[in-house]
């Protein structure tokens, strides 16, 4: 059993997979994920395809136009983003509005798939691949709402969910490196930058051909190392910022804790002092009452 060393998928998305000759790689990945054959017609420009030297984003995204006019947003994100779920929604909404002209009928609204490959802990769950889609169920009967026969003809679809965007989330770091099916073989590559010889998933044969490190030109190898060094530096900067934030937060917490402790200690001391003063006052009053009682008893005896 042999494992081949490959270039990272994000670098390939930026520099190699947009080439029409290499569409087979992404077609294979999407076919395995969506569980049907995908044919790519076009890959459009997007923010993540920048290759400028000053591009410091730790994210890659491309927009794929597939057969049947479907759109697929593929985004690969390394850094944790608190608002990522809303980001997914925004990306889909923008793609829909960008690809319909004013005045066109709603039947021309494109089907959009949002494929999100994340390398951080997004949400809470016990799986590493998630699929989100839209359906409508009756509040009383619990039965699902369906397209009418005329609507099925109009849209060339059989279910309402086929009209609406669908979302896929692949939490790469949650994968345990045990490939149980062909989609897992792709996720193994996404996590480890390696492809085992026995893997048979669609698109991996082409990936072995064009994404193997040894197949890069000398210029591409130099650029690859520069980009990987930049990524390592970005990761180090993020870790440094996080550690600095933690240390500053800890120091501030200790300082505030000491101030709170001093204030609380003073309050406790005052409270304790007041209690002791009240106790002494009560004891003095009791002693005075005993003396007065003795004096009354002595006066009675004299009389």
Foldseek 3Di string as FASTA:
>chain_A
DDKFFFFAPLVCLQPPCQPPVQVQQVQLLVCVVVVHGKAFDHKDDDPQNDDDPPPQAQKHWIWTQIPPRAIEIEIEHEDDDPCVVVVQVVVLVVVQVVPDDPPDDPLPRHAYEYEYEYADDDDDDLDQKDKDWDWDADPPPRHTDWDDPVVCVSNVDTGPRRVYYMYMYGHLVSDPLDDPDLSVQVSNCNNPSIHDPPRDGGNVVSCVVPGRLVPDDPVVNVSSVVVVVSVVVSVVVVVVVVVVVVVVVVVVVVVVVVVVVVVVVVVVVVVVVVVVVVVVVVVVVVVVVVVVVVVVVVVVVVD
